[in-house]
Amino acid sequence: MKLPVVHIGGKQTELEVSKEVFGATPNADLLSRAIYMFLSSQRQGTSKVKTRSDINRTKKKWYKQKGTGNARHGARTPNIFVGGGVSHGPTGNRNWTRELTKQQKKKAMVYALSTKYPDIMIAPELESLDGKTKKADIFVRSFVPEANRVLVILHESITPVLRAMQNIQRVLVTQASRLNIYELLLADKVLMTEQAVRVLEKRVTGDREKENPGVEKAVVKKAVKSAVKQIAKKPTVAAKAAVKKTVKTPAKKSVKKVVKKAK
């Protein structure tokens, strides 16, 4: 698969990318769950109501117990009165954090990149921006003039680029290592550097040598087992000390003599 590489002068080339990352068939269910988990995890969970014990109100009995014809009441802090506490409300201690497994996160990112594949462009001149917002705005408009939301993905934190684009309303700048699915799917167009593409590919596919050690792992296991067997065969100091010599006691000797006489 190939992504378009756009230049300021109008020249356009192509960059070869991994089909495994940018050409997968999207799974709508997993993408939906990933977005739900992300938005849920953004919640602080600090909403709280005042119960009857938190209300700053007198605890004096409202009226006398008998003789009024009304129901008996004590303080005015219960939830049945105006200005009283709230019952069964949020306590401010709820944790809204939701998580996917590592494998699901990687797959969801692959599906998101595959979904946005037609809207992704490589812009090598991104790194050469000098920090001027006006130049950065012209730069973005030259490639994506009609996009309402533009996501710029860098391979690392580049201060001039961040300073130049932080005041452009429709542009969001992030790093490939921090990219999340919600920001990616929300964007109309995506501009990124070539190094950012490689960082994303490595982030999604991972280190194959570590994930699939294959034969090397089996060889190491066999070597460890053989070494353990060799060590087990050799008698240790503790094993030698544990071996006890059987010594005939006087009682055993007398028993044998009695047995012989009986025969």
C-alpha atoms as a PDB file:
ATOM      1  CA  MET A   1       0.000   0.000   0.000  1.00  0.00           C
ATOM      2  CA  LYS A   2       1.094   3.580  -0.622  1.00  0.00           C
ATOM      3  CA  LEU A   3       0.387   6.943   1.004  1.00  0.00           C
ATOM      4  CA  PRO A   4       0.624  10.238  -0.933  1.00  0.00           C
ATOM      5  CA  VAL A   5       3.619  12.443  -0.081  1.00  0.00           C
ATOM      6  CA  VAL A   6       2.758  16.115  -0.707  1.00  0.00           C
ATOM      7  CA  HIS A   7       5.240  18.982  -1.103  1.00  0.00           C
ATOM      8  CA  ILE A   8       4.843  22.767  -1.003  1.00  0.00           C
ATOM      9  CA  GLY A   9       5.718  23.198  -4.679  1.00  0.00           C
ATOM     10  CA  GLY A  10       2.909  20.886  -5.753  1.00  0.00           C
ATOM     11  CA  LYS A  11       5.126  17.883  -6.365  1.00  0.00           C
ATOM     12  CA  GLN A  12       3.565  14.612  -5.191  1.00  0.00           C
ATOM     13  CA  THR A  13       5.195  11.240  -4.625  1.00  0.00           C
ATOM     14  CA  GLU A  14       4.253   8.061  -2.786  1.00  0.00           C
ATOM     15  CA  LEU A  15       5.473   6.243   0.313  1.00  0.00           C
ATOM     16  CA  GLU A  16       5.230   2.482   0.756  1.00  0.00           C
ATOM     17  CA  VAL A  17       3.444   1.539   3.998  1.00  0.00           C
ATOM     18  CA  SER A  18       2.459  -1.703   5.706  1.00  0.00           C
ATOM     19  CA  LYS A  19      -0.756  -3.269   4.453  1.00  0.00           C
ATOM     20  CA  GLU A  20      -1.085  -4.981   7.821  1.00  0.00           C
ATOM     21  CA  VAL A  21      -1.464  -1.557   9.484  1.00  0.00           C
ATOM     22  CA  PHE A  22      -3.254   0.579   6.876  1.00  0.00           C
ATOM     23  CA  GLY A  23      -5.171  -2.065   4.899  1.00  0.00           C
ATOM     24  CA  ALA A  24      -7.083  -4.087   7.496  1.00  0.00           C
ATOM     25  CA  THR A  25     -10.846  -4.569   7.352  1.00  0.00           C
ATOM     26  CA  PRO A  26     -12.300  -2.379  10.145  1.00  0.00           C
ATOM     27  CA  ASN A  27     -14.233  -3.952  13.004  1.00  0.00           C
ATOM     28  CA  ALA A  28     -16.991  -1.488  13.905  1.00  0.00           C
ATOM     29  CA  ASP A  29     -17.764  -3.191  17.221  1.00  0.00           C
ATOM     30  CA  LEU A  30     -14.187  -2.941  18.515  1.00  0.00           C
ATOM     31  CA  LEU A  31     -13.855   0.673  17.328  1.00  0.00           C
ATOM     32  CA  SER A  32     -17.100   1.573  19.093  1.00  0.00           C
ATOM     33  CA  ARG A  33     -15.904  -0.032  22.331  1.00  0.00           C
ATOM     34  CA  ALA A  34     -12.519   1.693  22.090  1.00  0.00           C
ATOM     35  CA  ILE A  35     -14.157   5.119  21.696  1.00  0.00           C
ATOM     36  CA  TYR A  36     -16.557   4.405  24.574  1.00  0.00           C
ATOM     37  CA  MET A  37     -13.639   3.359  26.811  1.00  0.00           C
ATOM     38  CA  PHE A  38     -11.652   6.481  25.899  1.00  0.00           C
ATOM     39  CA  LEU A  39     -14.511   8.896  26.578  1.00  0.00           C
ATOM     40  CA  SER A  40     -15.461   7.107  29.789  1.00  0.00           C
ATOM     41  CA  SER A  41     -11.882   7.293  31.062  1.00  0.00           C
ATOM     42  CA  GLN A  42     -11.887  11.090  30.558  1.00  0.00           C
ATOM     43  CA  ARG A  43     -14.583  11.511  33.211  1.00  0.00           C
ATOM     44  CA  GLN A  44     -13.337  12.723  36.569  1.00  0.00           C
ATOM     45  CA  GLY A  45     -16.080  11.104  38.624  1.00  0.00           C
ATOM     46  CA  THR A  46     -16.057  13.988  41.127  1.00  0.00           C
ATOM     47  CA  SER A  47     -19.757  14.928  40.923  1.00  0.00           C
ATOM     48  CA  LYS A  48     -21.183  14.878  44.434  1.00  0.00           C
ATOM     49  CA  VAL A  49     -24.373  15.824  46.260  1.00  0.00           C
ATOM     50  CA  LYS A  50     -24.930  16.863  49.865  1.00  0.00           C
ATOM     51  CA  THR A  51     -26.622  14.331  52.064  1.00  0.00           C
ATOM     52  CA  ARG A  52     -28.659  15.262  55.152  1.00  0.00           C
ATOM     53  CA  SER A  53     -25.475  15.150  57.240  1.00  0.00           C
ATOM     54  CA  ASP A  54     -23.734  17.693  54.956  1.00  0.00           C
ATOM     55  CA  ILE A  55     -26.513  20.302  55.044  1.00  0.00           C
ATOM     56  CA  ASN A  56     -25.651  23.367  57.124  1.00  0.00           C
ATOM     57  CA  ARG A  57     -29.026  23.760  58.766  1.00  0.00           C
ATOM     58  CA  THR A  58     -30.322  23.720  62.310  1.00  0.00           C
ATOM     59  CA  LYS A  59     -31.034  20.328  63.824  1.00  0.00           C
ATOM     60  CA  LYS A  60     -33.767  21.770  66.013  1.00  0.00           C
ATOM     61  CA  LYS A  61     -37.101  19.932  65.991  1.00  0.00           C
ATOM     62  CA  TRP A  62     -39.417  21.608  63.511  1.00  0.00           C
ATOM     63  CA  TYR A  63     -42.538  21.573  65.685  1.00  0.00           C
ATOM     64  CA  LYS A  64     -43.755  19.688  68.711  1.00  0.00           C
ATOM     65  CA  GLN A  65     -44.376  15.968  68.527  1.00  0.00           C
ATOM     66  CA  LYS A  66     -48.082  15.985  69.218  1.00  0.00           C
ATOM     67  CA  GLY A  67     -51.058  18.255  68.873  1.00  0.00           C
ATOM     68  CA  THR A  68     -50.449  19.763  65.423  1.00  0.00           C
ATOM     69  CA  GLY A  69     -52.172  17.078  63.373  1.00  0.00           C
ATOM     70  CA  ASN A  70     -49.152  16.823  61.084  1.00  0.00           C
ATOM     71  CA  ALA A  71     -46.714  13.949  60.712  1.00  0.00           C
ATOM     72  CA  ARG A  72     -43.972  13.876  63.314  1.00  0.00           C
ATOM     73  CA  HIS A  73     -40.674  15.433  62.185  1.00  0.00           C
ATOM     74  CA  GLY A  74     -37.343  16.290  63.710  1.00  0.00           C
ATOM     75  CA  ALA A  75     -34.771  18.365  61.816  1.00  0.00           C
ATOM     76  CA  ARG A  76     -35.396  19.976  58.410  1.00  0.00           C
ATOM     77  CA  THR A  77     -32.348  18.348  56.790  1.00  0.00           C
ATOM     78  CA  PRO A  78     -34.015  15.174  55.352  1.00  0.00           C
ATOM     79  CA  ASN A  79     -34.501  14.896  51.602  1.00  0.00           C
ATOM     80  CA  ILE A  80     -38.295  15.257  51.826  1.00  0.00           C
ATOM     81  CA  PHE A  81     -37.989  18.974  52.640  1.00  0.00           C
ATOM     82  CA  VAL A  82     -37.030  21.843  50.346  1.00  0.00           C
ATOM     83  CA  GLY A  83     -33.461  22.789  51.184  1.00  0.00           C
ATOM     84  CA  GLY A  84     -32.767  19.371  52.673  1.00  0.00           C
ATOM     85  CA  GLY A  85     -30.183  16.799  51.611  1.00  0.00           C
ATOM     86  CA  VAL A  86     -30.261  14.516  48.574  1.00  0.00           C
ATOM     87  CA  SER A  87     -30.631  10.768  48.967  1.00  0.00           C
ATOM     88  CA  HIS A  88     -28.957   8.142  46.755  1.00  0.00           C
ATOM     89  CA  GLY A  89     -26.967  10.724  44.774  1.00  0.00           C
ATOM     90  CA  PRO A  90     -23.367  10.517  43.500  1.00  0.00           C
ATOM     91  CA  THR A  91     -20.738  10.441  46.243  1.00  0.00           C
ATOM     92  CA  GLY A  92     -17.754  11.780  44.274  1.00  0.00           C
ATOM     93  CA  ASN A  93     -15.762   8.548  44.564  1.00  0.00           C
ATOM     94  CA  ARG A  94     -16.799   6.796  41.352  1.00  0.00           C
ATOM     95  CA  ASN A  95     -14.084   5.538  39.035  1.00  0.00           C
ATOM     96  CA  TRP A  96     -15.107   5.757  35.374  1.00  0.00           C
ATOM     97  CA  THR A  97     -11.844   4.346  34.001  1.00  0.00           C
ATOM     98  CA  ARG A  98     -12.384   1.571  31.457  1.00  0.00           C
ATOM     99  CA  GLU A  99      -9.665  -0.375  29.679  1.00  0.00           C
ATOM    100  CA  LEU A 100      -9.165  -2.727  26.744  1.00  0.00           C
ATOM    101  CA  THR A 101      -6.549  -5.454  26.630  1.00  0.00           C
ATOM    102  CA  LYS A 102      -3.210  -4.695  24.936  1.00  0.00           C
ATOM    103  CA  GLN A 103      -4.148  -6.839  21.944  1.00  0.00           C
ATOM    104  CA  GLN A 104      -7.504  -5.080  21.578  1.00  0.00           C
ATOM    105  CA  LYS A 105      -5.835  -1.656  21.772  1.00  0.00           C
ATOM    106  CA  LYS A 106      -3.425  -2.547  18.970  1.00  0.00           C
ATOM    107  CA  LYS A 107      -6.188  -3.976  16.795  1.00  0.00           C
ATOM    108  CA  ALA A 108      -8.405  -0.938  17.398  1.00  0.00           C
ATOM    109  CA  MET A 109      -5.570   1.388  16.327  1.00  0.00           C
ATOM    110  CA  VAL A 110      -5.045  -0.696  13.166  1.00  0.00           C
ATOM    111  CA  TYR A 111      -8.758  -0.478  12.334  1.00  0.00           C
ATOM    112  CA  ALA A 112      -8.757   3.285  12.949  1.00  0.00           C
ATOM    113  CA  LEU A 113      -5.719   3.833  10.690  1.00  0.00           C
ATOM    114  CA  SER A 114      -7.285   1.630   8.013  1.00  0.00           C
ATOM    115  CA  THR A 115     -10.535   3.610   8.237  1.00  0.00           C
ATOM    116  CA  LYS A 116      -8.723   6.952   7.840  1.00  0.00           C
ATOM    117  CA  TYR A 117      -6.338   5.663   5.158  1.00  0.00           C
ATOM    118  CA  PRO A 118      -7.944   7.711   2.301  1.00  0.00           C
ATOM    119  CA  ASP A 119      -7.580  10.926   4.364  1.00  0.00           C
ATOM    120  CA  ILE A 120      -3.914  10.533   5.385  1.00  0.00           C
ATOM    121  CA  MET A 121      -1.125  12.512   3.694  1.00  0.00           C
ATOM    122  CA  ILE A 122       2.613  12.671   4.332  1.00  0.00           C
ATOM    123  CA  ALA A 123       4.033  16.220   4.577  1.00  0.00           C
ATOM    124  CA  PRO A 124       7.851  16.180   4.911  1.00  0.00           C
ATOM    125  CA  GLU A 125       8.051  20.005   5.224  1.00  0.00           C
ATOM    126  CA  LEU A 126       6.203  19.886   8.560  1.00  0.00           C
ATOM    127  CA  GLU A 127       9.512  19.681  10.398  1.00  0.00           C
ATOM    128  CA  SER A 128      10.838  22.839   8.714  1.00  0.00           C
ATOM    129  CA  LEU A 129       8.186  25.214  10.144  1.00  0.00           C
ATOM    130  CA  ASP A 130       9.819  28.103  12.047  1.00  0.00           C
ATOM    131  CA  GLY A 131       7.170  28.729  14.706  1.00  0.00           C
ATOM    132  CA  LYS A 132       5.140  31.416  12.880  1.00  0.00           C
ATOM    133  CA  THR A 133       1.390  30.807  13.092  1.00  0.00           C
ATOM    134  CA  LYS A 134       0.629  32.656   9.842  1.00  0.00           C
ATOM    135  CA  LYS A 135       3.051  30.487   7.855  1.00  0.00           C
ATOM    136  CA  ALA A 136       1.715  27.342   9.506  1.00  0.00           C
ATOM    137  CA  ASP A 137      -1.879  28.309   8.623  1.00  0.00           C
ATOM    138  CA  ILE A 138      -0.923  28.898   4.980  1.00  0.00           C
ATOM    139  CA  PHE A 139       0.961  25.589   4.980  1.00  0.00           C
ATOM    140  CA  VAL A 140      -2.070  23.638   6.231  1.00  0.00           C
ATOM    141  CA  ARG A 141      -4.521  25.422   3.896  1.00  0.00           C
ATOM    142  CA  SER A 142      -2.356  24.626   0.877  1.00  0.00           C
ATOM    143  CA  PHE A 143      -2.874  20.883   1.446  1.00  0.00           C
ATOM    144  CA  VAL A 144      -6.306  20.653   3.108  1.00  0.00           C
ATOM    145  CA  PRO A 145      -8.214  23.874   2.328  1.00  0.00           C
ATOM    146  CA  GLU A 146     -11.732  22.579   3.086  1.00  0.00           C
ATOM    147  CA  ALA A 147     -11.113  20.379   6.141  1.00  0.00           C
ATOM    148  CA  ASN A 148     -12.769  21.515   9.375  1.00  0.00           C
ATOM    149  CA  ARG A 149     -10.564  19.350  11.594  1.00  0.00           C
ATOM    150  CA  VAL A 150      -6.944  18.614  10.762  1.00  0.00           C
ATOM    151  CA  LEU A 151      -4.804  16.243  12.811  1.00  0.00           C
ATOM    152  CA  VAL A 152      -1.027  16.734  12.590  1.00  0.00           C
ATOM    153  CA  ILE A 153       1.004  13.739  13.774  1.00  0.00           C
ATOM    154  CA  LEU A 154       4.702  14.198  14.570  1.00  0.00           C
ATOM    155  CA  HIS A 155       7.258  11.502  15.334  1.00  0.00           C
ATOM    156  CA  GLU A 156       8.552  13.534  18.296  1.00  0.00           C
ATOM    157  CA  SER A 157       7.921  16.817  20.109  1.00  0.00           C
ATOM    158  CA  ILE A 158       9.091  19.615  17.759  1.00  0.00           C
ATOM    159  CA  THR A 159       8.772  22.942  19.610  1.00  0.00           C
ATOM    160  CA  PRO A 160       8.521  25.306  16.565  1.00  0.00           C
ATOM    161  CA  VAL A 161       5.737  23.212  15.034  1.00  0.00           C
ATOM    162  CA  LEU A 162       3.811  23.070  18.315  1.00  0.00           C
ATOM    163  CA  ARG A 163       4.195  26.828  18.815  1.00  0.00           C
ATOM    164  CA  ALA A 164       3.142  27.585  15.241  1.00  0.00           C
ATOM    165  CA  MET A 165      -0.022  25.471  15.269  1.00  0.00           C
ATOM    166  CA  GLN A 166      -1.314  25.815  18.820  1.00  0.00           C
ATOM    167  CA  ASN A 167      -3.364  28.934  17.928  1.00  0.00           C
ATOM    168  CA  ILE A 168      -4.976  27.484  14.797  1.00  0.00           C
ATOM    169  CA  GLN A 169      -8.465  26.421  15.863  1.00  0.00           C
ATOM    170  CA  ARG A 170      -9.073  23.621  13.409  1.00  0.00           C
ATOM    171  CA  VAL A 171      -5.636  22.015  13.847  1.00  0.00           C
ATOM    172  CA  LEU A 172      -4.667  19.532  16.567  1.00  0.00           C
ATOM    173  CA  VAL A 173      -1.024  18.462  16.969  1.00  0.00           C
ATOM    174  CA  THR A 174       0.005  15.209  18.623  1.00  0.00           C
ATOM    175  CA  GLN A 175       2.817  12.660  18.660  1.00  0.00           C
ATOM    176  CA  ALA A 176       2.651   9.206  17.094  1.00  0.00           C
ATOM    177  CA  SER A 177       3.437   7.587  20.430  1.00  0.00           C
ATOM    178  CA  ARG A 178       0.486   9.412  22.086  1.00  0.00           C
ATOM    179  CA  LEU A 179      -2.065   9.129  19.291  1.00  0.00           C
ATOM    180  CA  ASN A 180      -5.490   7.903  20.381  1.00  0.00           C
ATOM    181  CA  ILE A 181      -8.324   6.508  18.307  1.00  0.00           C
ATOM    182  CA  TYR A 182     -10.840   9.231  19.192  1.00  0.00           C
ATOM    183  CA  GLU A 183      -8.651  12.073  17.876  1.00  0.00           C
ATOM    184  CA  LEU A 184      -7.806  10.082  14.761  1.00  0.00           C
ATOM    185  CA  LEU A 185     -11.396   9.261  13.811  1.00  0.00           C
ATOM    186  CA  LEU A 186     -12.619  12.772  14.658  1.00  0.00           C
ATOM    187  CA  ALA A 187     -10.264  14.425  12.138  1.00  0.00           C
ATOM    188  CA  ASP A 188     -11.320  15.146   8.557  1.00  0.00           C
ATOM    189  CA  LYS A 189      -7.737  15.060   7.256  1.00  0.00           C
ATOM    190  CA  VAL A 190      -4.469  13.784   8.723  1.00  0.00           C
ATOM    191  CA  LEU A 191      -0.999  15.211   8.028  1.00  0.00           C
ATOM    192  CA  MET A 192       2.043  13.365   9.337  1.00  0.00           C
ATOM    193  CA  THR A 193       5.778  12.992   8.852  1.00  0.00           C
ATOM    194  CA  GLU A 194       7.401   9.908   7.356  1.00  0.00           C
ATOM    195  CA  GLN A 195       9.046   9.051  10.689  1.00  0.00           C
ATOM    196  CA  ALA A 196       5.620   9.231  12.357  1.00  0.00           C
ATOM    197  CA  VAL A 197       4.364   6.526   9.986  1.00  0.00           C
ATOM    198  CA  ARG A 198       7.234   4.239  10.993  1.00  0.00           C
ATOM    199  CA  VAL A 199       6.628   4.939  14.693  1.00  0.00           C
ATOM    200  CA  LEU A 200       2.949   4.011  14.295  1.00  0.00           C
ATOM    201  CA  GLU A 201       3.805   0.828  12.411  1.00  0.00           C
ATOM    202  CA  LYS A 202       6.252  -0.207  15.122  1.00  0.00           C
ATOM    203  CA  ARG A 203       3.786   0.717  17.865  1.00  0.00           C
ATOM    204  CA  VAL A 204       1.016  -1.397  16.356  1.00  0.00           C
ATOM    205  CA  THR A 205       2.990  -4.405  15.147  1.00  0.00           C
ATOM    206  CA  GLY A 206       5.451  -4.390  18.046  1.00  0.00           C
ATOM    207  CA  ASP A 207       8.856  -6.043  18.202  1.00  0.00           C
ATOM    208  CA  ARG A 208       8.398  -9.355  16.415  1.00  0.00           C
ATOM    209  CA  GLU A 209      11.550 -10.833  17.901  1.00  0.00           C
ATOM    210  CA  LYS A 210      10.195 -10.339  21.415  1.00  0.00           C
ATOM    211  CA  GLU A 211       6.634 -11.388  20.628  1.00  0.00           C
ATOM    212  CA  ASN A 212       7.569 -14.494  18.582  1.00  0.00           C
ATOM    213  CA  PRO A 213      10.915 -15.804  19.850  1.00  0.00           C
ATOM    214  CA  GLY A 214      10.101 -19.240  18.358  1.00  0.00           C
ATOM    215  CA  VAL A 215      13.054 -21.600  18.139  1.00  0.00           C
ATOM    216  CA  GLU A 216      15.399 -19.538  20.314  1.00  0.00           C
ATOM    217  CA  LYS A 217      13.039 -19.745  23.274  1.00  0.00           C
ATOM    218  CA  ALA A 218      12.712 -23.541  22.912  1.00  0.00           C
ATOM    219  CA  VAL A 219      16.503 -23.978  22.719  1.00  0.00           C
ATOM    220  CA  VAL A 220      16.975 -21.946  25.894  1.00  0.00           C
ATOM    221  CA  LYS A 221      14.367 -24.033  27.717  1.00  0.00           C
ATOM    222  CA  LYS A 222      16.081 -27.288  26.687  1.00  0.00           C
ATOM    223  CA  ALA A 223      19.479 -25.990  27.801  1.00  0.00           C
ATOM    224  CA  VAL A 224      18.077 -24.982  31.180  1.00  0.00           C
ATOM    225  CA  LYS A 225      16.417 -28.382  31.671  1.00  0.00           C
ATOM    226  CA  SER A 226      19.615 -30.300  30.833  1.00  0.00           C
ATOM    227  CA  ALA A 227      21.640 -28.106  33.211  1.00  0.00           C
ATOM    228  CA  VAL A 228      19.134 -28.728  36.013  1.00  0.00           C
ATOM    229  CA  LYS A 229      19.311 -32.497  35.444  1.00  0.00           C
ATOM    230  CA  GLN A 230      23.125 -32.492  35.585  1.00  0.00           C
ATOM    231  CA  ILE A 231      23.090 -30.529  38.828  1.00  0.00           C
ATOM    232  CA  ALA A 232      20.490 -32.890  40.323  1.00  0.00           C
ATOM    233  CA  LYS A 233      22.679 -35.940  39.571  1.00  0.00           C
ATOM    234  CA  LYS A 234      25.676 -34.585  41.511  1.00  0.00           C
ATOM    235  CA  PRO A 235      25.479 -35.307  45.276  1.00  0.00           C
ATOM    236  CA  THR A 236      25.590 -32.129  47.301  1.00  0.00           C
ATOM    237  CA  VAL A 237      27.040 -31.561  50.775  1.00  0.00           C
ATOM    238  CA  ALA A 238      23.557 -31.506  52.269  1.00  0.00           C
ATOM    239  CA  ALA A 239      22.660 -34.792  50.565  1.00  0.00           C
ATOM    240  CA  LYS A 240      25.832 -36.452  51.872  1.00  0.00           C
ATOM    241  CA  ALA A 241      25.107 -35.240  55.388  1.00  0.00           C
ATOM    242  CA  ALA A 242      21.564 -36.579  55.185  1.00  0.00           C
ATOM    243  CA  VAL A 243      22.774 -40.146  54.568  1.00  0.00           C
ATOM    244  CA  LYS A 244      22.853 -41.960  57.911  1.00  0.00           C
ATOM    245  CA  LYS A 245      24.728 -45.164  58.708  1.00  0.00           C
ATOM    246  CA  THR A 246      22.628 -47.800  60.436  1.00  0.00           C
ATOM    247  CA  VAL A 247      24.225 -48.792  63.759  1.00  0.00           C
ATOM    248  CA  LYS A 248      23.118 -51.867  65.623  1.00  0.00           C
ATOM    249  CA  THR A 249      21.908 -51.011  69.101  1.00  0.00           C
ATOM    250  CA  PRO A 250      22.201 -53.360  72.138  1.00  0.00           C
ATOM    251  CA  ALA A 251      18.438 -53.886  72.128  1.00  0.00           C
ATOM    252  CA  LYS A 252      18.488 -55.162  68.539  1.00  0.00           C
ATOM    253  CA  LYS A 253      21.402 -57.549  69.348  1.00  0.00           C
ATOM    254  CA  SER A 254      19.563 -59.032  72.361  1.00  0.00           C
ATOM    255  CA  VAL A 255      16.422 -59.572  70.301  1.00  0.00           C
ATOM    256  CA  LYS A 256      18.404 -61.479  67.690  1.00  0.00           C
ATOM    257  CA  LYS A 257      19.975 -63.727  70.375  1.00  0.00           C
ATOM    258  CA  VAL A 258      16.537 -64.564  71.797  1.00  0.00           C
ATOM    259  CA  VAL A 259      15.267 -65.436  68.323  1.00  0.00           C
ATOM    260  CA  LYS A 260      18.243 -67.753  67.688  1.00  0.00           C
ATOM    261  CA  LYS A 261      17.733 -69.559  71.006  1.00  0.00           C
ATOM    262  CA  ALA A 262      14.060 -70.056  70.247  1.00  0.00           C
ATOM    263  CA  LYS A 263      14.940 -71.696  66.958  1.00  0.00           C
END
